Amino acid sequence: MCRNIKMLFNFDPPVTEAETQAAALQFVRKVSGFNKPSKLNEQAFQQAVDRVAAVTAELMHSLQTQAAPRNREEEAAKARARTAERFHVRHDLASPK
């Protein structure tokens, strides 16, 4: 799984169209092996991104949970802490300025 694809479900505020599009782009990049497609493949690449984004949006709207929504800032802080521990980064360098 591509590490750049972020979990989108059950956040407050809900996932945005831009976040859905970014996740779709990362997925299509991963499965196609293209970071940026050639002119010949550009239309098929963009069509795939649009379709994946549409299906992802449909999925996000149809999923249900009884769990409390996650807080984006708290989840980002947890991710930064995991990254700092994984790469042995000093804590004063791991937090955004």
PDB file of N, CA and C in Angstrom:
ATOM      1  N   MET A   1       0.837  -1.180   0.000  1.00  0.00           N
ATOM      2  CA  MET A   1       0.000   0.000   0.000  1.00  0.00           C
ATOM      3  C   MET A   1       0.876   1.234   0.000  1.00  0.00           C
ATOM      4  N   CYS A   2       0.489   2.200  -0.725  1.00  0.00           N
ATOM      5  CA  CYS A   2       1.236   3.453  -0.810  1.00  0.00           C
ATOM      6  C   CYS A   2       1.103   4.210   0.510  1.00  0.00           C
ATOM      7  N   ARG A   3       2.203   4.589   1.073  1.00  0.00           N
ATOM      8  CA  ARG A   3       2.175   5.291   2.363  1.00  0.00           C
ATOM      9  C   ARG A   3       1.614   6.692   2.252  1.00  0.00           C
ATOM     10  N   ASN A   4       1.566   7.253   1.059  1.00  0.00           N
ATOM     11  CA  ASN A   4       1.053   8.611   0.894  1.00  0.00           C
ATOM     12  C   ASN A   4      -0.465   8.668   0.829  1.00  0.00           C
ATOM     13  N   ILE A   5      -1.113   7.529   0.754  1.00  0.00           N
ATOM     14  CA  ILE A   5      -2.568   7.518   0.748  1.00  0.00           C
ATOM     15  C   ILE A   5      -3.024   7.526   2.202  1.00  0.00           C
ATOM     16  N   LYS A   6      -3.764   8.552   2.560  1.00  0.00           N
ATOM     17  CA  LYS A   6      -4.205   8.740   3.937  1.00  0.00           C
ATOM     18  C   LYS A   6      -5.613   8.197   4.141  1.00  0.00           C
ATOM     19  N   MET A   7      -5.891   7.768   5.373  1.00  0.00           N
ATOM     20  CA  MET A   7      -7.233   7.341   5.727  1.00  0.00           C
ATOM     21  C   MET A   7      -8.160   8.558   5.620  1.00  0.00           C
ATOM     22  N   LEU A   8      -9.321   8.365   5.043  1.00  0.00           N
ATOM     23  CA  LEU A   8     -10.242   9.474   4.804  1.00  0.00           C
ATOM     24  C   LEU A   8     -11.544   9.367   5.588  1.00  0.00           C
ATOM     25  N   PHE A   9     -11.827   8.223   6.145  1.00  0.00           N
ATOM     26  CA  PHE A   9     -13.132   7.982   6.763  1.00  0.00           C
ATOM     27  C   PHE A   9     -13.178   8.409   8.225  1.00  0.00           C
ATOM     28  N   ASN A  10     -14.300   8.945   8.619  1.00  0.00           N
ATOM     29  CA  ASN A  10     -14.650   9.260  10.001  1.00  0.00           C
ATOM     30  C   ASN A  10     -13.785  10.372  10.592  1.00  0.00           C
ATOM     31  N   PHE A  11     -13.692  11.478   9.879  1.00  0.00           N
ATOM     32  CA  PHE A  11     -12.998  12.652  10.391  1.00  0.00           C
ATOM     33  C   PHE A  11     -13.976  13.796  10.554  1.00  0.00           C
ATOM     34  N   ASP A  12     -13.656  14.682  11.468  1.00  0.00           N
ATOM     35  CA  ASP A  12     -14.427  15.893  11.660  1.00  0.00           C
ATOM     36  C   ASP A  12     -13.494  17.072  11.474  1.00  0.00           C
ATOM     37  N   PRO A  13     -13.666  17.900  10.465  1.00  0.00           N
ATOM     38  CA  PRO A  13     -14.708  17.885   9.440  1.00  0.00           C
ATOM     39  C   PRO A  13     -14.512  16.739   8.455  1.00  0.00           C
ATOM     40  N   PRO A  14     -15.578  16.379   7.736  1.00  0.00           N
ATOM     41  CA  PRO A  14     -15.507  15.257   6.790  1.00  0.00           C
ATOM     42  C   PRO A  14     -14.486  15.504   5.684  1.00  0.00           C
ATOM     43  N   VAL A  15     -14.152  14.445   5.004  1.00  0.00           N
ATOM     44  CA  VAL A  15     -13.183  14.495   3.911  1.00  0.00           C
ATOM     45  C   VAL A  15     -13.639  15.494   2.844  1.00  0.00           C
ATOM     46  N   THR A  16     -12.665  16.198   2.279  1.00  0.00           N
ATOM     47  CA  THR A  16     -12.973  17.161   1.220  1.00  0.00           C
ATOM     48  C   THR A  16     -12.772  16.518  -0.150  1.00  0.00           C
ATOM     49  N   GLU A  17     -13.294  17.169  -1.157  1.00  0.00           N
ATOM     50  CA  GLU A  17     -13.112  16.683  -2.531  1.00  0.00           C
ATOM     51  C   GLU A  17     -11.626  16.684  -2.901  1.00  0.00           C
ATOM     52  N   ALA A  18     -10.899  17.688  -2.441  1.00  0.00           N
ATOM     53  CA  ALA A  18      -9.461  17.769  -2.733  1.00  0.00           C
ATOM     54  C   ALA A  18      -8.698  16.599  -2.109  1.00  0.00           C
ATOM     55  N   GLU A  19      -9.062  16.209  -0.900  1.00  0.00           N
ATOM     56  CA  GLU A  19      -8.412  15.071  -0.249  1.00  0.00           C
ATOM     57  C   GLU A  19      -8.721  13.770  -0.973  1.00  0.00           C
ATOM     58  N   THR A  20      -9.962  13.620  -1.413  1.00  0.00           N
ATOM     59  CA  THR A  20     -10.359  12.440  -2.174  1.00  0.00           C
ATOM     60  C   THR A  20      -9.599  12.379  -3.493  1.00  0.00           C
ATOM     61  N   GLN A  21      -9.481  13.515  -4.162  1.00  0.00           N
ATOM     62  CA  GLN A  21      -8.764  13.585  -5.438  1.00  0.00           C
ATOM     63  C   GLN A  21      -7.276  13.266  -5.235  1.00  0.00           C
ATOM     64  N   ALA A  22      -6.685  13.776  -4.161  1.00  0.00           N
ATOM     65  CA  ALA A  22      -5.262  13.519  -3.883  1.00  0.00           C
ATOM     66  C   ALA A  22      -5.016  12.037  -3.611  1.00  0.00           C
ATOM     67  N   ALA A  23      -5.899  11.407  -2.866  1.00  0.00           N
ATOM     68  CA  ALA A  23      -5.755   9.976  -2.591  1.00  0.00           C
ATOM     69  C   ALA A  23      -5.900   9.164  -3.880  1.00  0.00           C
ATOM     70  N   ALA A  24      -6.844   9.564  -4.730  1.00  0.00           N
ATOM     71  CA  ALA A  24      -7.039   8.871  -6.009  1.00  0.00           C
ATOM     72  C   ALA A  24      -5.798   9.015  -6.888  1.00  0.00           C
ATOM     73  N   LEU A  25      -5.232  10.206  -6.914  1.00  0.00           N
ATOM     74  CA  LEU A  25      -4.022  10.439  -7.696  1.00  0.00           C
ATOM     75  C   LEU A  25      -2.882   9.559  -7.207  1.00  0.00           C
ATOM     76  N   GLN A  26      -2.685   9.473  -5.893  1.00  0.00           N
ATOM     77  CA  GLN A  26      -1.623   8.637  -5.350  1.00  0.00           C
ATOM     78  C   GLN A  26      -1.850   7.169  -5.691  1.00  0.00           C
ATOM     79  N   PHE A  27      -3.096   6.718  -5.610  1.00  0.00           N
ATOM     80  CA  PHE A  27      -3.407   5.330  -5.931  1.00  0.00           C
ATOM     81  C   PHE A  27      -3.094   5.026  -7.401  1.00  0.00           C
ATOM     82  N   VAL A  28      -3.536   5.890  -8.305  1.00  0.00           N
ATOM     83  CA  VAL A  28      -3.305   5.663  -9.733  1.00  0.00           C
ATOM     84  C   VAL A  28      -1.812   5.740 -10.047  1.00  0.00           C
ATOM     85  N   ARG A  29      -1.102   6.655  -9.415  1.00  0.00           N
ATOM     86  CA  ARG A  29       0.353   6.712  -9.601  1.00  0.00           C
ATOM     87  C   ARG A  29       1.002   5.400  -9.191  1.00  0.00           C
ATOM     88  N   LYS A  30       0.561   4.867  -8.062  1.00  0.00           N
ATOM     89  CA  LYS A  30       1.155   3.633  -7.540  1.00  0.00           C
ATOM     90  C   LYS A  30       0.892   2.459  -8.472  1.00  0.00           C
ATOM     91  N   VAL A  31      -0.367   2.266  -8.855  1.00  0.00           N
ATOM     92  CA  VAL A  31      -0.689   1.087  -9.660  1.00  0.00           C
ATOM     93  C   VAL A  31      -0.201   1.200 -11.100  1.00  0.00           C
ATOM     94  N   SER A  32      -0.084   2.435 -11.622  1.00  0.00           N
ATOM     95  CA  SER A  32       0.373   2.600 -13.003  1.00  0.00           C
ATOM     96  C   SER A  32       1.893   2.641 -13.112  1.00  0.00           C
ATOM     97  N   GLY A  33       2.552   3.047 -12.027  1.00  0.00           N
ATOM     98  CA  GLY A  33       3.997   3.200 -12.071  1.00  0.00           C
ATOM     99  C   GLY A  33       4.435   4.530 -12.650  1.00  0.00           C
ATOM    100  N   PHE A  34       3.477   5.406 -12.942  1.00  0.00           N
ATOM    101  CA  PHE A  34       3.781   6.732 -13.489  1.00  0.00           C
ATOM    102  C   PHE A  34       3.619   7.789 -12.413  1.00  0.00           C
ATOM    103  N   ASN A  35       4.625   8.637 -12.265  1.00  0.00           N
ATOM    104  CA  ASN A  35       4.456   9.812 -11.425  1.00  0.00           C
ATOM    105  C   ASN A  35       3.723  10.876 -12.229  1.00  0.00           C
ATOM    106  N   LYS A  36       4.136  11.021 -13.470  1.00  0.00           N
ATOM    107  CA  LYS A  36       3.474  11.908 -14.425  1.00  0.00           C
ATOM    108  C   LYS A  36       3.438  11.146 -15.752  1.00  0.00           C
ATOM    109  N   PRO A  37       2.242  10.882 -16.258  1.00  0.00           N
ATOM    110  CA  PRO A  37       2.150  10.083 -17.477  1.00  0.00           C
ATOM    111  C   PRO A  37       2.624  10.856 -18.711  1.00  0.00           C
ATOM    112  N   SER A  38       2.981  10.129 -19.745  1.00  0.00           N
ATOM    113  CA  SER A  38       3.341  10.738 -21.022  1.00  0.00           C
ATOM    114  C   SER A  38       2.085  11.335 -21.644  1.00  0.00           C
ATOM    115  N   LYS A  39       2.273  12.165 -22.649  1.00  0.00           N
ATOM    116  CA  LYS A  39       1.122  12.752 -23.366  1.00  0.00           C
ATOM    117  C   LYS A  39       0.207  11.669 -23.913  1.00  0.00           C
ATOM    118  N   LEU A  40       0.806  10.566 -24.350  1.00  0.00           N
ATOM    119  CA  LEU A  40       0.043   9.453 -24.913  1.00  0.00           C
ATOM    120  C   LEU A  40      -0.892   8.837 -23.869  1.00  0.00           C
ATOM    121  N   ASN A  41      -0.446   8.783 -22.619  1.00  0.00           N
ATOM    122  CA  ASN A  41      -1.224   8.144 -21.553  1.00  0.00           C
ATOM    123  C   ASN A  41      -1.963   9.127 -20.654  1.00  0.00           C
ATOM    124  N   GLU A  42      -1.820  10.413 -20.904  1.00  0.00           N
ATOM    125  CA  GLU A  42      -2.379  11.429 -20.012  1.00  0.00           C
ATOM    126  C   GLU A  42      -3.891  11.331 -19.853  1.00  0.00           C
ATOM    127  N   GLN A  43      -4.607  11.138 -20.938  1.00  0.00           N
ATOM    128  CA  GLN A  43      -6.065  11.074 -20.873  1.00  0.00           C
ATOM    129  C   GLN A  43      -6.525   9.853 -20.069  1.00  0.00           C
ATOM    130  N   ALA A  44      -5.946   8.691 -20.320  1.00  0.00           N
ATOM    131  CA  ALA A  44      -6.322   7.474 -19.589  1.00  0.00           C
ATOM    132  C   ALA A  44      -5.981   7.615 -18.114  1.00  0.00           C
ATOM    133  N   PHE A  45      -4.834   8.223 -17.822  1.00  0.00           N
ATOM    134  CA  PHE A  45      -4.397   8.433 -16.440  1.00  0.00           C
ATOM    135  C   PHE A  45      -5.395   9.330 -15.700  1.00  0.00           C
ATOM    136  N   GLN A  46      -5.744  10.463 -16.300  1.00  0.00           N
ATOM    137  CA  GLN A  46      -6.667  11.394 -15.653  1.00  0.00           C
ATOM    138  C   GLN A  46      -8.058  10.793 -15.504  1.00  0.00           C
ATOM    139  N   GLN A  47      -8.475  10.016 -16.497  1.00  0.00           N
ATOM    140  CA  GLN A  47      -9.776   9.359 -16.409  1.00  0.00           C
ATOM    141  C   GLN A  47      -9.786   8.358 -15.243  1.00  0.00           C
ATOM    142  N   ALA A  48      -8.691   7.647 -15.066  1.00  0.00           N
ATOM    143  CA  ALA A  48      -8.592   6.707 -13.948  1.00  0.00           C
ATOM    144  C   ALA A  48      -8.631   7.447 -12.610  1.00  0.00           C
ATOM    145  N   VAL A  49      -7.923   8.561 -12.516  1.00  0.00           N
ATOM    146  CA  VAL A  49      -7.943   9.359 -11.279  1.00  0.00           C
ATOM    147  C   VAL A  49      -9.364   9.821 -10.978  1.00  0.00           C
ATOM    148  N   ASP A  50     -10.059  10.324 -11.978  1.00  0.00           N
ATOM    149  CA  ASP A  50     -11.433  10.800 -11.783  1.00  0.00           C
ATOM    150  C   ASP A  50     -12.368   9.678 -11.348  1.00  0.00           C
ATOM    151  N   ARG A  51     -12.224   8.507 -11.960  1.00  0.00           N
ATOM    152  CA  ARG A  51     -13.084   7.369 -11.598  1.00  0.00           C
ATOM    153  C   ARG A  51     -12.799   6.882 -10.182  1.00  0.00           C
ATOM    154  N   VAL A  52     -11.519   6.779  -9.828  1.00  0.00           N
ATOM    155  CA  VAL A  52     -11.160   6.339  -8.473  1.00  0.00           C
ATOM    156  C   VAL A  52     -11.669   7.357  -7.459  1.00  0.00           C
ATOM    157  N   ALA A  53     -11.545   8.642  -7.750  1.00  0.00           N
ATOM    158  CA  ALA A  53     -12.033   9.683  -6.843  1.00  0.00           C
ATOM    159  C   ALA A  53     -13.549   9.580  -6.667  1.00  0.00           C
ATOM    160  N   ALA A  54     -14.269   9.334  -7.752  1.00  0.00           N
ATOM    161  CA  ALA A  54     -15.729   9.215  -7.677  1.00  0.00           C
ATOM    162  C   ALA A  54     -16.144   8.010  -6.836  1.00  0.00           C
ATOM    163  N   VAL A  55     -15.499   6.886  -7.052  1.00  0.00           N
ATOM    164  CA  VAL A  55     -15.821   5.684  -6.282  1.00  0.00           C
ATOM    165  C   VAL A  55     -15.454   5.886  -4.813  1.00  0.00           C
ATOM    166  N   THR A  56     -14.337   6.550  -4.559  1.00  0.00           N
ATOM    167  CA  THR A  56     -13.919   6.826  -3.180  1.00  0.00           C
ATOM    168  C   THR A  56     -14.940   7.724  -2.491  1.00  0.00           C
ATOM    169  N   ALA A  57     -15.393   8.764  -3.164  1.00  0.00           N
ATOM    170  CA  ALA A  57     -16.399   9.659  -2.588  1.00  0.00           C
ATOM    171  C   ALA A  57     -17.689   8.896  -2.288  1.00  0.00           C
ATOM    172  N   GLU A  58     -18.087   8.038  -3.217  1.00  0.00           N
ATOM    173  CA  GLU A  58     -19.290   7.214  -3.009  1.00  0.00           C
ATOM    174  C   GLU A  58     -19.122   6.313  -1.793  1.00  0.00           C
ATOM    175  N   LEU A  59     -17.950   5.712  -1.655  1.00  0.00           N
ATOM    176  CA  LEU A  59     -17.667   4.866  -0.506  1.00  0.00           C
ATOM    177  C   LEU A  59     -17.736   5.656   0.790  1.00  0.00           C
ATOM    178  N   MET A  60     -17.102   6.825   0.827  1.00  0.00           N
ATOM    179  CA  MET A  60     -17.087   7.640   2.043  1.00  0.00           C
ATOM    180  C   MET A  60     -18.496   8.025   2.478  1.00  0.00           C
ATOM    181  N   HIS A  61     -19.372   8.293   1.501  1.00  0.00           N
ATOM    182  CA  HIS A  61     -20.743   8.676   1.833  1.00  0.00           C
ATOM    183  C   HIS A  61     -21.600   7.492   2.274  1.00  0.00           C
ATOM    184  N   SER A  62     -21.227   6.284   1.886  1.00  0.00           N
ATOM    185  CA  SER A  62     -22.049   5.120   2.222  1.00  0.00           C
ATOM    186  C   SER A  62     -21.602   4.409   3.496  1.00  0.00           C
ATOM    187  N   LEU A  63     -20.365   4.650   3.945  1.00  0.00           N
ATOM    188  CA  LEU A  63     -19.884   3.989   5.158  1.00  0.00           C
ATOM    189  C   LEU A  63     -20.556   4.562   6.402  1.00  0.00           C
ATOM    190  N   GLN A  64     -20.734   3.712   7.399  1.00  0.00           N
ATOM    191  CA  GLN A  64     -21.344   4.118   8.660  1.00  0.00           C
ATOM    192  C   GLN A  64     -20.493   3.628   9.812  1.00  0.00           C
ATOM    193  N   THR A  65     -20.522   4.363  10.902  1.00  0.00           N
ATOM    194  CA  THR A  65     -19.816   3.950  12.102  1.00  0.00           C
ATOM    195  C   THR A  65     -20.486   4.558  13.318  1.00  0.00           C
ATOM    196  N   GLN A  66     -20.293   3.908  14.451  1.00  0.00           N
ATOM    197  CA  GLN A  66     -20.777   4.465  15.705  1.00  0.00           C
ATOM    198  C   GLN A  66     -19.627   5.084  16.497  1.00  0.00           C
ATOM    199  N   ALA A  67     -18.422   4.970  15.970  1.00  0.00           N
ATOM    200  CA  ALA A  67     -17.252   5.546  16.631  1.00  0.00           C
ATOM    201  C   ALA A  67     -17.272   7.068  16.493  1.00  0.00           C
ATOM    202  N   ALA A  68     -16.693   7.718  17.463  1.00  0.00           N
ATOM    203  CA  ALA A  68     -16.597   9.179  17.410  1.00  0.00           C
ATOM    204  C   ALA A  68     -15.650   9.587  16.282  1.00  0.00           C
ATOM    205  N   PRO A  69     -15.945  10.691  15.610  1.00  0.00           N
ATOM    206  CA  PRO A  69     -15.058  11.146  14.537  1.00  0.00           C
ATOM    207  C   PRO A  69     -13.662  11.469  15.066  1.00  0.00           C
ATOM    208  N   ARG A  70     -12.670  11.217  14.240  1.00  0.00           N
ATOM    209  CA  ARG A  70     -11.285  11.520  14.598  1.00  0.00           C
ATOM    210  C   ARG A  70     -11.029  13.010  14.394  1.00  0.00           C
ATOM    211  N   ASN A  71     -10.104  13.529  15.195  1.00  0.00           N
ATOM    212  CA  ASN A  71      -9.678  14.914  15.065  1.00  0.00           C
ATOM    213  C   ASN A  71      -8.451  14.959  14.162  1.00  0.00           C
ATOM    214  N   ARG A  72      -8.476  15.769  13.134  1.00  0.00           N
ATOM    215  CA  ARG A  72      -7.373  15.825  12.166  1.00  0.00           C
ATOM    216  C   ARG A  72      -6.050  16.226  12.807  1.00  0.00           C
ATOM    217  N   GLU A  73      -6.081  17.220  13.677  1.00  0.00           N
ATOM    218  CA  GLU A  73      -4.837  17.681  14.300  1.00  0.00           C
ATOM    219  C   GLU A  73      -4.232  16.614  15.209  1.00  0.00           C
ATOM    220  N   GLU A  74      -5.082  15.925  15.958  1.00  0.00           N
ATOM    221  CA  GLU A  74      -4.590  14.847  16.835  1.00  0.00           C
ATOM    222  C   GLU A  74      -3.979  13.720  16.014  1.00  0.00           C
ATOM    223  N   GLU A  75      -4.631  13.340  14.930  1.00  0.00           N
ATOM    224  CA  GLU A  75      -4.110  12.270  14.079  1.00  0.00           C
ATOM    225  C   GLU A  75      -2.795  12.686  13.411  1.00  0.00           C
ATOM    226  N   ALA A  76      -2.707  13.955  13.003  1.00  0.00           N
ATOM    227  CA  ALA A  76      -1.459  14.453  12.406  1.00  0.00           C
ATOM    228  C   ALA A  76      -0.333  14.436  13.426  1.00  0.00           C
ATOM    229  N   ALA A  77      -0.631  14.800  14.664  1.00  0.00           N
ATOM    230  CA  ALA A  77       0.387  14.785  15.724  1.00  0.00           C
ATOM    231  C   ALA A  77       0.859  13.356  15.986  1.00  0.00           C
ATOM    232  N   LYS A  78      -0.057  12.408  15.999  1.00  0.00           N
ATOM    233  CA  LYS A  78       0.320  11.000  16.184  1.00  0.00           C
ATOM    234  C   LYS A  78       1.216  10.525  15.042  1.00  0.00           C
ATOM    235  N   ALA A  79       0.876  10.919  13.825  1.00  0.00           N
ATOM    236  CA  ALA A  79       1.681  10.527  12.658  1.00  0.00           C
ATOM    237  C   ALA A  79       3.081  11.131  12.744  1.00  0.00           C
ATOM    238  N   ARG A  80       3.177  12.391  13.166  1.00  0.00           N
ATOM    239  CA  ARG A  80       4.501  13.012  13.317  1.00  0.00           C
ATOM    240  C   ARG A  80       5.315  12.289  14.378  1.00  0.00           C
ATOM    241  N   ALA A  81       4.666  11.883  15.469  1.00  0.00           N
ATOM    242  CA  ALA A  81       5.362  11.164  16.537  1.00  0.00           C
ATOM    243  C   ALA A  81       5.862   9.807  16.038  1.00  0.00           C
ATOM    244  N   ARG A  82       5.023   9.101  15.263  1.00  0.00           N
ATOM    245  CA  ARG A  82       5.448   7.813  14.705  1.00  0.00           C
ATOM    246  C   ARG A  82       6.629   7.996  13.760  1.00  0.00           C
ATOM    247  N   THR A  83       6.579   9.034  12.949  1.00  0.00           N
ATOM    248  CA  THR A  83       7.675   9.311  12.009  1.00  0.00           C
ATOM    249  C   THR A  83       8.950   9.641  12.762  1.00  0.00           C
ATOM    250  N   ALA A  84       8.838  10.453  13.793  1.00  0.00           N
ATOM    251  CA  ALA A  84      10.013  10.829  14.586  1.00  0.00           C
ATOM    252  C   ALA A  84      10.640   9.596  15.225  1.00  0.00           C
ATOM    253  N   GLU A  85       9.811   8.716  15.747  1.00  0.00           N
ATOM    254  CA  GLU A  85      10.334   7.497  16.378  1.00  0.00           C
ATOM    255  C   GLU A  85      10.942   6.566  15.332  1.00  0.00           C
ATOM    256  N   ARG A  86      10.281   6.445  14.202  1.00  0.00           N
ATOM    257  CA  ARG A  86      10.757   5.549  13.158  1.00  0.00           C
ATOM    258  C   ARG A  86      12.106   5.985  12.592  1.00  0.00           C
ATOM    259  N   PHE A  87      12.258   7.277  12.394  1.00  0.00           N
ATOM    260  CA  PHE A  87      13.481   7.788  11.787  1.00  0.00           C
ATOM    261  C   PHE A  87      14.429   8.415  12.804  1.00  0.00           C
ATOM    262  N   HIS A  88      14.100   8.258  14.082  1.00  0.00           N
ATOM    263  CA  HIS A  88      14.939   8.774  15.171  1.00  0.00           C
ATOM    264  C   HIS A  88      15.198  10.265  15.022  1.00  0.00           C
ATOM    265  N   VAL A  89      14.142  10.999  14.745  1.00  0.00           N
ATOM    266  CA  VAL A  89      14.231  12.448  14.595  1.00  0.00           C
ATOM    267  C   VAL A  89      14.086  13.089  15.967  1.00  0.00           C
ATOM    268  N   ARG A  90      14.875  14.142  16.203  1.00  0.00           N
ATOM    269  CA  ARG A  90      14.737  14.863  17.466  1.00  0.00           C
ATOM    270  C   ARG A  90      13.353  15.496  17.519  1.00  0.00           C
ATOM    271  N   HIS A  91      12.742  15.496  18.700  1.00  0.00           N
ATOM    272  CA  HIS A  91      11.370  16.005  18.850  1.00  0.00           C
ATOM    273  C   HIS A  91      11.258  17.478  18.510  1.00  0.00           C
ATOM    274  N   ASP A  92      12.290  18.272  18.774  1.00  0.00           N
ATOM    275  CA  ASP A  92      12.203  19.694  18.456  1.00  0.00           C
ATOM    276  C   ASP A  92      12.240  19.932  16.945  1.00  0.00           C
ATOM    277  N   LEU A  93      12.740  18.962  16.190  1.00  0.00           N
ATOM    278  CA  LEU A  93      12.745  19.073  14.731  1.00  0.00           C
ATOM    279  C   LEU A  93      11.500  18.462  14.093  1.00  0.00           C
ATOM    280  N   ALA A  94      10.803  17.608  14.828  1.00  0.00           N
ATOM    281  CA  ALA A  94       9.659  16.885  14.272  1.00  0.00           C
ATOM    282  C   ALA A  94       8.393  17.725  14.254  1.00  0.00           C
ATOM    283  N   SER A  95       8.278  18.715  15.090  1.00  0.00           N
ATOM    284  CA  SER A  95       7.041  19.494  15.132  1.00  0.00           C
ATOM    285  C   SER A  95       7.103  20.630  14.118  1.00  0.00           C
ATOM    286  N   PRO A  96       5.955  20.914  13.487  1.00  0.00           N
ATOM    287  CA  PRO A  96       5.930  21.993  12.490  1.00  0.00           C
ATOM    288  C   PRO A  96       6.078  23.354  13.154  1.00  0.00           C
ATOM    289  N   LYS A  97       6.586  24.296  12.396  1.00  0.00           N
ATOM    290  CA  LYS A  97       6.771  25.659  12.936  1.00  0.00           C
ATOM    291  C   LYS A  97       5.756  26.598  12.369  1.00  0.00           C
TER     292      LYS A  97
END
